[in-house]
Amino acid sequence: MADVLGVTEAEWDREVLASATPVLVDFWADWCRPCLRLAPVVEGVARELAGQVKVLKCDVEAAPALSNRYGVRLIPTLVLFKDGQVVAELVNPGTRQAILDALAPHLGS
């Protein structure tokens, strides 16, 4: 996933909470089949919305404190942060359009 970089607990505040751009975080795990199926969709959204939203992946196995902090219980879960706050959450969204529809009200101004 060249267009979607991973984020660690050490980078979280800088890359997500302090970002001037909205950030979509894909909470996932490498053993999760729905996560693997969603990965190319997320990468496509990252390419399509480049410059409007930063897309990052957070491995729930490597960063359990982050998934707990944001109440991620099922994966894949996409969480949109704007100005350091959670503004949208999608659990197993499935389609590109579902993701774009959830992001639309939070992008732009």
PDB file of N, CA and C in Angstrom:
ATOM      1  N   MET A   1       0.849  -1.182   0.000  1.00  0.00           N
ATOM      2  CA  MET A   1       0.000   0.000   0.000  1.00  0.00           C
ATOM      3  C   MET A   1       0.890   1.240   0.000  1.00  0.00           C
ATOM      4  N   ALA A   2       1.433   1.565  -1.133  1.00  0.00           N
ATOM      5  CA  ALA A   2       2.377   2.666  -1.254  1.00  0.00           C
ATOM      6  C   ALA A   2       1.764   4.014  -0.898  1.00  0.00           C
ATOM      7  N   ASP A   3       0.483   4.214  -1.141  1.00  0.00           N
ATOM      8  CA  ASP A   3      -0.147   5.503  -0.882  1.00  0.00           C
ATOM      9  C   ASP A   3      -0.621   5.658   0.555  1.00  0.00           C
ATOM     10  N   VAL A   4      -0.630   4.590   1.318  1.00  0.00           N
ATOM     11  CA  VAL A   4      -1.127   4.619   2.688  1.00  0.00           C
ATOM     12  C   VAL A   4      -0.020   4.125   3.615  1.00  0.00           C
ATOM     13  N   LEU A   5       0.470   5.024   4.457  1.00  0.00           N
ATOM     14  CA  LEU A   5       1.559   4.685   5.361  1.00  0.00           C
ATOM     15  C   LEU A   5       1.018   4.254   6.712  1.00  0.00           C
ATOM     16  N   GLY A   6       1.804   3.472   7.414  1.00  0.00           N
ATOM     17  CA  GLY A   6       1.437   3.059   8.757  1.00  0.00           C
ATOM     18  C   GLY A   6       1.744   4.163   9.758  1.00  0.00           C
ATOM     19  N   VAL A   7       1.012   4.167  10.864  1.00  0.00           N
ATOM     20  CA  VAL A   7       1.257   5.123  11.930  1.00  0.00           C
ATOM     21  C   VAL A   7       1.422   4.345  13.230  1.00  0.00           C
ATOM     22  N   THR A   8       2.397   4.746  14.034  1.00  0.00           N
ATOM     23  CA  THR A   8       2.666   4.079  15.304  1.00  0.00           C
ATOM     24  C   THR A   8       2.183   4.957  16.454  1.00  0.00           C
ATOM     25  N   GLU A   9       2.183   4.382  17.640  1.00  0.00           N
ATOM     26  CA  GLU A   9       1.803   5.153  18.824  1.00  0.00           C
ATOM     27  C   GLU A   9       2.730   6.352  19.011  1.00  0.00           C
ATOM     28  N   ALA A  10       4.008   6.178  18.724  1.00  0.00           N
ATOM     29  CA  ALA A  10       4.986   7.259  18.893  1.00  0.00           C
ATOM     30  C   ALA A  10       4.726   8.429  17.941  1.00  0.00           C
ATOM     31  N   GLU A  11       4.186   8.146  16.772  1.00  0.00           N
ATOM     32  CA  GLU A  11       3.934   9.177  15.756  1.00  0.00           C
ATOM     33  C   GLU A  11       2.530   9.760  15.840  1.00  0.00           C
ATOM     34  N   TRP A  12       1.654   9.149  16.616  1.00  0.00           N
ATOM     35  CA  TRP A  12       0.221   9.448  16.603  1.00  0.00           C
ATOM     36  C   TRP A  12      -0.105  10.932  16.780  1.00  0.00           C
ATOM     37  N   ASP A  13       0.400  11.535  17.829  1.00  0.00           N
ATOM     38  CA  ASP A  13       0.051  12.936  18.090  1.00  0.00           C
ATOM     39  C   ASP A  13       0.455  13.836  16.934  1.00  0.00           C
ATOM     40  N   ARG A  14       1.657  13.653  16.417  1.00  0.00           N
ATOM     41  CA  ARG A  14       2.160  14.481  15.315  1.00  0.00           C
ATOM     42  C   ARG A  14       1.411  14.217  14.016  1.00  0.00           C
ATOM     43  N   GLU A  15       1.244  12.952  13.664  1.00  0.00           N
ATOM     44  CA  GLU A  15       0.686  12.606  12.359  1.00  0.00           C
ATOM     45  C   GLU A  15      -0.844  12.692  12.285  1.00  0.00           C
ATOM     46  N   VAL A  16      -1.511  12.484  13.423  1.00  0.00           N
ATOM     47  CA  VAL A  16      -2.982  12.446  13.419  1.00  0.00           C
ATOM     48  C   VAL A  16      -3.568  13.660  14.135  1.00  0.00           C
ATOM     49  N   LEU A  17      -3.273  13.800  15.403  1.00  0.00           N
ATOM     50  CA  LEU A  17      -3.934  14.830  16.196  1.00  0.00           C
ATOM     51  C   LEU A  17      -3.508  16.253  15.838  1.00  0.00           C
ATOM     52  N   ALA A  18      -2.257  16.448  15.441  1.00  0.00           N
ATOM     53  CA  ALA A  18      -1.759  17.783  15.104  1.00  0.00           C
ATOM     54  C   ALA A  18      -1.829  18.091  13.617  1.00  0.00           C
ATOM     55  N   SER A  19      -2.391  17.208  12.830  1.00  0.00           N
ATOM     56  CA  SER A  19      -2.437  17.400  11.380  1.00  0.00           C
ATOM     57  C   SER A  19      -3.378  18.539  10.997  1.00  0.00           C
ATOM     58  N   ALA A  20      -2.912  19.397  10.107  1.00  0.00           N
ATOM     59  CA  ALA A  20      -3.752  20.481   9.581  1.00  0.00           C
ATOM     60  C   ALA A  20      -4.765  19.939   8.567  1.00  0.00           C
ATOM     61  N   THR A  21      -4.492  18.759   8.047  1.00  0.00           N
ATOM     62  CA  THR A  21      -5.357  18.096   7.072  1.00  0.00           C
ATOM     63  C   THR A  21      -6.172  17.025   7.792  1.00  0.00           C
ATOM     64  N   PRO A  22      -7.435  16.824   7.414  1.00  0.00           N
ATOM     65  CA  PRO A  22      -8.175  15.695   7.992  1.00  0.00           C
ATOM     66  C   PRO A  22      -7.405  14.390   7.771  1.00  0.00           C
ATOM     67  N   VAL A  23      -7.516  13.471   8.732  1.00  0.00           N
ATOM     68  CA  VAL A  23      -6.774  12.209   8.676  1.00  0.00           C
ATOM     69  C   VAL A  23      -7.750  11.048   8.807  1.00  0.00           C
ATOM     70  N   LEU A  24      -7.724  10.149   7.831  1.00  0.00           N
ATOM     71  CA  LEU A  24      -8.509   8.922   7.875  1.00  0.00           C
ATOM     72  C   LEU A  24      -7.580   7.800   8.318  1.00  0.00           C
ATOM     73  N   VAL A  25      -7.894   7.185   9.449  1.00  0.00           N
ATOM     74  CA  VAL A  25      -7.065   6.100   9.967  1.00  0.00           C
ATOM     75  C   VAL A  25      -7.800   4.779   9.780  1.00  0.00           C
ATOM     76  N   ASP A  26      -7.138   3.857   9.115  1.00  0.00           N
ATOM     77  CA  ASP A  26      -7.650   2.508   8.890  1.00  0.00           C
ATOM     78  C   ASP A  26      -7.079   1.611   9.984  1.00  0.00           C
ATOM     79  N   PHE A  27      -7.918   1.255  10.968  1.00  0.00           N
ATOM     80  CA  PHE A  27      -7.510   0.308  12.009  1.00  0.00           C
ATOM     81  C   PHE A  27      -7.678  -1.095  11.428  1.00  0.00           C
ATOM     82  N   TRP A  28      -6.632  -1.879  11.429  1.00  0.00           N
ATOM     83  CA  TRP A  28      -6.623  -3.164  10.739  1.00  0.00           C
ATOM     84  C   TRP A  28      -5.663  -4.133  11.433  1.00  0.00           C
ATOM     85  N   ALA A  29      -5.617  -5.355  10.914  1.00  0.00           N
ATOM     86  CA  ALA A  29      -4.626  -6.358  11.319  1.00  0.00           C
ATOM     87  C   ALA A  29      -4.341  -7.239  10.105  1.00  0.00           C
ATOM     88  N   ASP A  30      -3.128  -7.771  10.038  1.00  0.00           N
ATOM     89  CA  ASP A  30      -2.750  -8.562   8.859  1.00  0.00           C
ATOM     90  C   ASP A  30      -3.463  -9.904   8.781  1.00  0.00           C
ATOM     91  N   TRP A  31      -4.065 -10.380   9.869  1.00  0.00           N
ATOM     92  CA  TRP A  31      -4.790 -11.647   9.867  1.00  0.00           C
ATOM     93  C   TRP A  31      -6.281 -11.456   9.526  1.00  0.00           C
ATOM     94  N   CYS A  32      -6.719 -10.229   9.383  1.00  0.00           N
ATOM     95  CA  CYS A  32      -8.135  -9.901   9.167  1.00  0.00           C
ATOM     96  C   CYS A  32      -8.459  -9.887   7.668  1.00  0.00           C
ATOM     97  N   ARG A  33      -9.206 -10.896   7.226  1.00  0.00           N
ATOM     98  CA  ARG A  33      -9.543 -10.976   5.793  1.00  0.00           C
ATOM     99  C   ARG A  33     -10.348  -9.783   5.297  1.00  0.00           C
ATOM    100  N   PRO A  34     -11.365  -9.310   6.020  1.00  0.00           N
ATOM    101  CA  PRO A  34     -12.074  -8.111   5.550  1.00  0.00           C
ATOM    102  C   PRO A  34     -11.149  -6.887   5.452  1.00  0.00           C
ATOM    103  N   CYS A  35     -10.177  -6.811   6.349  1.00  0.00           N
ATOM    104  CA  CYS A  35      -9.207  -5.714   6.292  1.00  0.00           C
ATOM    105  C   CYS A  35      -8.385  -5.793   5.001  1.00  0.00           C
ATOM    106  N   LEU A  36      -7.967  -6.996   4.665  1.00  0.00           N
ATOM    107  CA  LEU A  36      -7.163  -7.184   3.457  1.00  0.00           C
ATOM    108  C   LEU A  36      -7.975  -6.899   2.201  1.00  0.00           C
ATOM    109  N   ARG A  37      -9.272  -7.252   2.226  1.00  0.00           N
ATOM    110  CA  ARG A  37     -10.137  -6.945   1.080  1.00  0.00           C
ATOM    111  C   ARG A  37     -10.372  -5.440   0.947  1.00  0.00           C
ATOM    112  N   LEU A  38     -10.442  -4.742   2.076  1.00  0.00           N
ATOM    113  CA  LEU A  38     -10.702  -3.304   2.058  1.00  0.00           C
ATOM    114  C   LEU A  38      -9.457  -2.496   1.697  1.00  0.00           C
ATOM    115  N   ALA A  39      -8.283  -3.055   1.908  1.00  0.00           N
ATOM    116  CA  ALA A  39      -7.030  -2.323   1.703  1.00  0.00           C
ATOM    117  C   ALA A  39      -6.928  -1.643   0.336  1.00  0.00           C
ATOM    118  N   PRO A  40      -7.212  -2.316  -0.790  1.00  0.00           N
ATOM    119  CA  PRO A  40      -7.100  -1.624  -2.074  1.00  0.00           C
ATOM    120  C   PRO A  40      -8.136  -0.508  -2.231  1.00  0.00           C
ATOM    121  N   VAL A  41      -9.278  -0.651  -1.589  1.00  0.00           N
ATOM    122  CA  VAL A  41     -10.304   0.395  -1.634  1.00  0.00           C
ATOM    123  C   VAL A  41      -9.788   1.629  -0.895  1.00  0.00           C
ATOM    124  N   VAL A  42      -9.213   1.415   0.276  1.00  0.00           N
ATOM    125  CA  VAL A  42      -8.661   2.515   1.073  1.00  0.00           C
ATOM    126  C   VAL A  42      -7.527   3.197   0.314  1.00  0.00           C
ATOM    127  N   GLU A  43      -6.678   2.411  -0.314  1.00  0.00           N
ATOM    128  CA  GLU A  43      -5.582   2.990  -1.093  1.00  0.00           C
ATOM    129  C   GLU A  43      -6.120   3.821  -2.253  1.00  0.00           C
ATOM    130  N   GLY A  44      -7.157   3.343  -2.907  1.00  0.00           N
ATOM    131  CA  GLY A  44      -7.774   4.110  -3.992  1.00  0.00           C
ATOM    132  C   GLY A  44      -8.350   5.425  -3.499  1.00  0.00           C
ATOM    133  N   VAL A  45      -8.997   5.407  -2.338  1.00  0.00           N
ATOM    134  CA  VAL A  45      -9.538   6.637  -1.751  1.00  0.00           C
ATOM    135  C   VAL A  45      -8.386   7.595  -1.428  1.00  0.00           C
ATOM    136  N   ALA A  46      -7.283   7.068  -0.916  1.00  0.00           N
ATOM    137  CA  ALA A  46      -6.118   7.898  -0.598  1.00  0.00           C
ATOM    138  C   ALA A  46      -5.600   8.601  -1.850  1.00  0.00           C
ATOM    139  N   ARG A  47      -5.522   7.880  -2.951  1.00  0.00           N
ATOM    140  CA  ARG A  47      -5.068   8.481  -4.217  1.00  0.00           C
ATOM    141  C   ARG A  47      -6.077   9.508  -4.717  1.00  0.00           C
ATOM    142  N   GLU A  48      -7.353   9.150  -4.662  1.00  0.00           N
ATOM    143  CA  GLU A  48      -8.415  10.024  -5.175  1.00  0.00           C
ATOM    144  C   GLU A  48      -8.517  11.332  -4.394  1.00  0.00           C
ATOM    145  N   LEU A  49      -8.299  11.268  -3.106  1.00  0.00           N
ATOM    146  CA  LEU A  49      -8.459  12.451  -2.252  1.00  0.00           C
ATOM    147  C   LEU A  49      -7.124  13.031  -1.786  1.00  0.00           C
ATOM    148  N   ALA A  50      -6.051  12.713  -2.498  1.00  0.00           N
ATOM    149  CA  ALA A  50      -4.728  13.231  -2.142  1.00  0.00           C
ATOM    150  C   ALA A  50      -4.786  14.753  -2.045  1.00  0.00           C
ATOM    151  N   GLY A  51      -4.227  15.282  -0.957  1.00  0.00           N
ATOM    152  CA  GLY A  51      -4.239  16.715  -0.729  1.00  0.00           C
ATOM    153  C   GLY A  51      -5.437  17.185   0.091  1.00  0.00           C
ATOM    154  N   GLN A  52      -6.503  16.386   0.110  1.00  0.00           N
ATOM    155  CA  GLN A  52      -7.690  16.740   0.886  1.00  0.00           C
ATOM    156  C   GLN A  52      -7.758  15.988   2.207  1.00  0.00           C
ATOM    157  N   VAL A  53      -7.209  14.777   2.219  1.00  0.00           N
ATOM    158  CA  VAL A  53      -7.218  13.950   3.422  1.00  0.00           C
ATOM    159  C   VAL A  53      -5.948  13.104   3.432  1.00  0.00           C
ATOM    160  N   LYS A  54      -5.384  12.950   4.611  1.00  0.00           N
ATOM    161  CA  LYS A  54      -4.228  12.067   4.789  1.00  0.00           C
ATOM    162  C   LYS A  54      -4.795  10.718   5.237  1.00  0.00           C
ATOM    163  N   VAL A  55      -4.341   9.642   4.621  1.00  0.00           N
ATOM    164  CA  VAL A  55      -4.828   8.307   4.970  1.00  0.00           C
ATOM    165  C   VAL A  55      -3.671   7.506   5.571  1.00  0.00           C
ATOM    166  N   LEU A  56      -3.912   6.977   6.773  1.00  0.00           N
ATOM    167  CA  LEU A  56      -2.912   6.192   7.487  1.00  0.00           C
ATOM    168  C   LEU A  56      -3.510   4.871   7.937  1.00  0.00           C
ATOM    169  N   LYS A  57      -2.647   3.884   8.160  1.00  0.00           N
ATOM    170  CA  LYS A  57      -3.074   2.584   8.678  1.00  0.00           C
ATOM    171  C   LYS A  57      -2.512   2.416  10.083  1.00  0.00           C
ATOM    172  N   CYS A  58      -3.319   1.865  10.970  1.00  0.00           N
ATOM    173  CA  CYS A  58      -2.890   1.587  12.336  1.00  0.00           C
ATOM    174  C   CYS A  58      -3.157   0.111  12.626  1.00  0.00           C
ATOM    175  N   ASP A  59      -2.102  -0.637  12.789  1.00  0.00           N
ATOM    176  CA  ASP A  59      -2.189  -2.072  13.082  1.00  0.00           C
ATOM    177  C   ASP A  59      -2.609  -2.241  14.544  1.00  0.00           C
ATOM    178  N   VAL A  60      -3.783  -2.806  14.765  1.00  0.00           N
ATOM    179  CA  VAL A  60      -4.312  -2.945  16.133  1.00  0.00           C
ATOM    180  C   VAL A  60      -3.451  -3.880  16.985  1.00  0.00           C
ATOM    181  N   GLU A  61      -2.727  -4.775  16.362  1.00  0.00           N
ATOM    182  CA  GLU A  61      -1.835  -5.674  17.103  1.00  0.00           C
ATOM    183  C   GLU A  61      -0.591  -4.925  17.589  1.00  0.00           C
ATOM    184  N   ALA A  62      -0.096  -4.010  16.778  1.00  0.00           N
ATOM    185  CA  ALA A  62       1.106  -3.254  17.119  1.00  0.00           C
ATOM    186  C   ALA A  62       0.807  -2.046  18.005  1.00  0.00           C
ATOM    187  N   ALA A  63      -0.439  -1.572  17.971  1.00  0.00           N
ATOM    188  CA  ALA A  63      -0.809  -0.371  18.727  1.00  0.00           C
ATOM    189  C   ALA A  63      -2.133  -0.580  19.466  1.00  0.00           C
ATOM    190  N   PRO A  64      -2.176  -1.548  20.392  1.00  0.00           N
ATOM    191  CA  PRO A  64      -3.440  -1.830  21.079  1.00  0.00           C
ATOM    192  C   PRO A  64      -3.956  -0.661  21.915  1.00  0.00           C
ATOM    193  N   ALA A  65      -3.071   0.170  22.430  1.00  0.00           N
ATOM    194  CA  ALA A  65      -3.517   1.310  23.232  1.00  0.00           C
ATOM    195  C   ALA A  65      -4.332   2.291  22.387  1.00  0.00           C
ATOM    196  N   LEU A  66      -3.953   2.444  21.119  1.00  0.00           N
ATOM    197  CA  LEU A  66      -4.702   3.353  20.246  1.00  0.00           C
ATOM    198  C   LEU A  66      -6.078   2.805  19.912  1.00  0.00           C
ATOM    199  N   SER A  67      -6.156   1.522  19.608  1.00  0.00           N
ATOM    200  CA  SER A  67      -7.473   0.950  19.297  1.00  0.00           C
ATOM    201  C   SER A  67      -8.369   1.012  20.537  1.00  0.00           C
ATOM    202  N   ASN A  68      -7.812   0.793  21.719  1.00  0.00           N
ATOM    203  CA  ASN A  68      -8.593   0.909  22.953  1.00  0.00           C
ATOM    204  C   ASN A  68      -9.023   2.352  23.197  1.00  0.00           C
ATOM    205  N   ARG A  69      -8.106   3.275  23.000  1.00  0.00           N
ATOM    206  CA  ARG A  69      -8.386   4.708  23.222  1.00  0.00           C
ATOM    207  C   ARG A  69      -9.564   5.197  22.388  1.00  0.00           C
ATOM    208  N   TYR A  70      -9.687   4.678  21.166  1.00  0.00           N
ATOM    209  CA  TYR A  70     -10.746   5.126  20.265  1.00  0.00           C
ATOM    210  C   TYR A  70     -11.900   4.135  20.159  1.00  0.00           C
ATOM    211  N   GLY A  71     -11.931   3.167  21.035  1.00  0.00           N
ATOM    212  CA  GLY A  71     -13.063   2.253  21.103  1.00  0.00           C
ATOM    213  C   GLY A  71     -13.218   1.338  19.907  1.00  0.00           C
ATOM    214  N   VAL A  72     -12.121   1.026  19.248  1.00  0.00           N
ATOM    215  CA  VAL A  72     -12.175   0.138  18.088  1.00  0.00           C
ATOM    216  C   VAL A  72     -12.314  -1.292  18.591  1.00  0.00           C
ATOM    217  N   ARG A  73     -13.453  -1.897  18.320  1.00  0.00           N
ATOM    218  CA  ARG A  73     -13.732  -3.259  18.781  1.00  0.00           C
ATOM    219  C   ARG A  73     -13.798  -4.253  17.626  1.00  0.00           C
ATOM    220  N   LEU A  74     -14.166  -3.761  16.457  1.00  0.00           N
ATOM    221  CA  LEU A  74     -14.238  -4.590  15.252  1.00  0.00           C
ATOM    222  C   LEU A  74     -13.348  -3.974  14.190  1.00  0.00           C
ATOM    223  N   ILE A  75     -12.736  -4.823  13.393  1.00  0.00           N
ATOM    224  CA  ILE A  75     -11.925  -4.321  12.291  1.00  0.00           C
ATOM    225  C   ILE A  75     -12.376  -4.978  10.996  1.00  0.00           C
ATOM    226  N   PRO A  76     -12.249  -4.275   9.891  1.00  0.00           N
ATOM    227  CA  PRO A  76     -11.659  -2.956   9.753  1.00  0.00           C
ATOM    228  C   PRO A  76     -12.602  -1.851  10.257  1.00  0.00           C
ATOM    229  N   THR A  77     -12.001  -0.855  10.872  1.00  0.00           N
ATOM    230  CA  THR A  77     -12.709   0.352  11.271  1.00  0.00           C
ATOM    231  C   THR A  77     -11.917   1.532  10.740  1.00  0.00           C
ATOM    232  N   LEU A  78     -12.613   2.445  10.079  1.00  0.00           N
ATOM    233  CA  LEU A  78     -11.998   3.673   9.602  1.00  0.00           C
ATOM    234  C   LEU A  78     -12.476   4.801  10.496  1.00  0.00           C
ATOM    235  N   VAL A  79     -11.544   5.618  10.981  1.00  0.00           N
ATOM    236  CA  VAL A  79     -11.887   6.744  11.847  1.00  0.00           C
ATOM    237  C   VAL A  79     -11.317   8.008  11.213  1.00  0.00           C
ATOM    238  N   LEU A  80     -12.187   9.012  11.048  1.00  0.00           N
ATOM    239  CA  LEU A  80     -11.762  10.287  10.471  1.00  0.00           C
ATOM    240  C   LEU A  80     -11.548  11.299  11.585  1.00  0.00           C
ATOM    241  N   PHE A  81     -10.356  11.892  11.596  1.00  0.00           N
ATOM    242  CA  PHE A  81      -9.986  12.922  12.559  1.00  0.00           C
ATOM    243  C   PHE A  81      -9.895  14.256  11.830  1.00  0.00           C
ATOM    244  N   LYS A  82     -10.456  15.287  12.429  1.00  0.00           N
ATOM    245  CA  LYS A  82     -10.333  16.638  11.896  1.00  0.00           C
ATOM    246  C   LYS A  82     -10.045  17.550  13.083  1.00  0.00           C
ATOM    247  N   ASP A  83      -8.995  18.331  12.974  1.00  0.00           N
ATOM    248  CA  ASP A  83      -8.553  19.196  14.066  1.00  0.00           C
ATOM    249  C   ASP A  83      -8.359  18.401  15.358  1.00  0.00           C
ATOM    250  N   GLY A  84      -7.838  17.188  15.225  1.00  0.00           N
ATOM    251  CA  GLY A  84      -7.529  16.354  16.378  1.00  0.00           C
ATOM    252  C   GLY A  84      -8.711  15.652  17.015  1.00  0.00           C
ATOM    253  N   GLN A  85      -9.896  15.804  16.439  1.00  0.00           N
ATOM    254  CA  GLN A  85     -11.112  15.208  16.995  1.00  0.00           C
ATOM    255  C   GLN A  85     -11.694  14.158  16.046  1.00  0.00           C
ATOM    256  N   VAL A  86     -12.306  13.129  16.607  1.00  0.00           N
ATOM    257  CA  VAL A  86     -13.007  12.132  15.795  1.00  0.00           C
ATOM    258  C   VAL A  86     -14.287  12.772  15.271  1.00  0.00           C
ATOM    259  N   VAL A  87     -14.460  12.756  13.944  1.00  0.00           N
ATOM    260  CA  VAL A  87     -15.667  13.331  13.347  1.00  0.00           C
ATOM    261  C   VAL A  87     -16.503  12.291  12.603  1.00  0.00           C
ATOM    262  N   ALA A  88     -15.933  11.123  12.333  1.00  0.00           N
ATOM    263  CA  ALA A  88     -16.683  10.061  11.659  1.00  0.00           C
ATOM    264  C   ALA A  88     -16.010   8.723  11.924  1.00  0.00           C
ATOM    265  N   GLU A  89     -16.823   7.677  11.946  1.00  0.00           N
ATOM    266  CA  GLU A  89     -16.318   6.318  12.145  1.00  0.00           C
ATOM    267  C   GLU A  89     -17.116   5.378  11.259  1.00  0.00           C
ATOM    268  N   LEU A  90     -16.422   4.502  10.572  1.00  0.00           N
ATOM    269  CA  LEU A  90     -17.057   3.511   9.718  1.00  0.00           C
ATOM    270  C   LEU A  90     -16.521   2.139  10.087  1.00  0.00           C
ATOM    271  N   VAL A  91     -17.403   1.237  10.454  1.00  0.00           N
ATOM    272  CA  VAL A  91     -17.005  -0.127  10.768  1.00  0.00           C
ATOM    273  C   VAL A  91     -17.290  -0.986   9.541  1.00  0.00           C
ATOM    274  N   ASN A  92     -16.240  -1.586   8.997  1.00  0.00           N
ATOM    275  CA  ASN A  92     -16.326  -2.437   7.812  1.00  0.00           C
ATOM    276  C   ASN A  92     -17.171  -1.801   6.713  1.00  0.00           C
ATOM    277  N   PRO A  93     -16.736  -0.626   6.211  1.00  0.00           N
ATOM    278  CA  PRO A  93     -17.558   0.114   5.252  1.00  0.00           C
ATOM    279  C   PRO A  93     -17.795  -0.608   3.936  1.00  0.00           C
ATOM    280  N   GLY A  94     -16.860  -1.458   3.517  1.00  0.00           N
ATOM    281  CA  GLY A  94     -17.084  -2.284   2.340  1.00  0.00           C
ATOM    282  C   GLY A  94     -16.861  -1.633   0.999  1.00  0.00           C
ATOM    283  N   THR A  95     -17.421  -0.448   0.775  1.00  0.00           N
ATOM    284  CA  THR A  95     -17.332   0.126  -0.569  1.00  0.00           C
ATOM    285  C   THR A  95     -16.648   1.486  -0.568  1.00  0.00           C
ATOM    286  N   ARG A  96     -16.083   1.804  -1.696  1.00  0.00           N
ATOM    287  CA  ARG A  96     -15.468   3.105  -1.913  1.00  0.00           C
ATOM    288  C   ARG A  96     -16.488   4.208  -1.689  1.00  0.00           C
ATOM    289  N   GLN A  97     -17.696   4.023  -2.229  1.00  0.00           N
ATOM    290  CA  GLN A  97     -18.711   5.065  -2.124  1.00  0.00           C
ATOM    291  C   GLN A  97     -19.128   5.309  -0.673  1.00  0.00           C
ATOM    292  N   ALA A  98     -19.210   4.261   0.127  1.00  0.00           N
ATOM    293  CA  ALA A  98     -19.550   4.428   1.546  1.00  0.00           C
ATOM    294  C   ALA A  98     -18.499   5.286   2.244  1.00  0.00           C
ATOM    295  N   ILE A  99     -17.244   5.073   1.900  1.00  0.00           N
ATOM    296  CA  ILE A  99     -16.160   5.860   2.494  1.00  0.00           C
ATOM    297  C   ILE A  99     -16.242   7.308   2.024  1.00  0.00           C
ATOM    298  N   LEU A 100     -16.391   7.499   0.722  1.00  0.00           N
ATOM    299  CA  LEU A 100     -16.476   8.859   0.180  1.00  0.00           C
ATOM    300  C   LEU A 100     -17.666   9.614   0.751  1.00  0.00           C
ATOM    301  N   ASP A 101     -18.811   8.950   0.896  1.00  0.00           N
ATOM    302  CA  ASP A 101     -20.003   9.594   1.457  1.00  0.00           C
ATOM    303  C   ASP A 101     -19.772  10.035   2.898  1.00  0.00           C
ATOM    304  N   ALA A 102     -19.063   9.232   3.674  1.00  0.00           N
ATOM    305  CA  ALA A 102     -18.801   9.568   5.074  1.00  0.00           C
ATOM    306  C   ALA A 102     -17.786  10.709   5.182  1.00  0.00           C
ATOM    307  N   LEU A 103     -16.847  10.777   4.252  1.00  0.00           N
ATOM    308  CA  LEU A 103     -15.824  11.815   4.284  1.00  0.00           C
ATOM    309  C   LEU A 103     -16.311  13.163   3.769  1.00  0.00           C
ATOM    310  N   ALA A 104     -17.192  13.141   2.798  1.00  0.00           N
ATOM    311  CA  ALA A 104     -17.605  14.356   2.091  1.00  0.00           C
ATOM    312  C   ALA A 104     -17.970  15.542   2.984  1.00  0.00           C
ATOM    313  N   PRO A 105     -18.783  15.374   4.015  1.00  0.00           N
ATOM    314  CA  PRO A 105     -19.155  16.541   4.823  1.00  0.00           C
ATOM    315  C   PRO A 105     -17.993  17.153   5.608  1.00  0.00           C
ATOM    316  N   HIS A 106     -16.888  16.439   5.703  1.00  0.00           N
ATOM    317  CA  HIS A 106     -15.769  16.887   6.536  1.00  0.00           C
ATOM    318  C   HIS A 106     -14.583  17.396   5.725  1.00  0.00           C
ATOM    319  N   LEU A 107     -14.680  17.357   4.416  1.00  0.00           N
ATOM    320  CA  LEU A 107     -13.576  17.803   3.567  1.00  0.00           C
ATOM    321  C   LEU A 107     -13.922  19.165   2.975  1.00  0.00           C
ATOM    322  N   GLY A 108     -12.886  19.839   2.535  1.00  0.00           N
ATOM    323  CA  GLY A 108     -13.119  21.167   1.959  1.00  0.00           C
ATOM    324  C   GLY A 108     -12.804  22.249   2.971  1.00  0.00           C
ATOM    325  N   SER A 109     -13.807  22.989   3.355  1.00  0.00           N
ATOM    326  CA  SER A 109     -13.558  24.141   4.215  1.00  0.00           C
ATOM    327  C   SER A 109     -13.276  23.794   5.619  1.00  0.00           C
TER     328      SER A 109
END
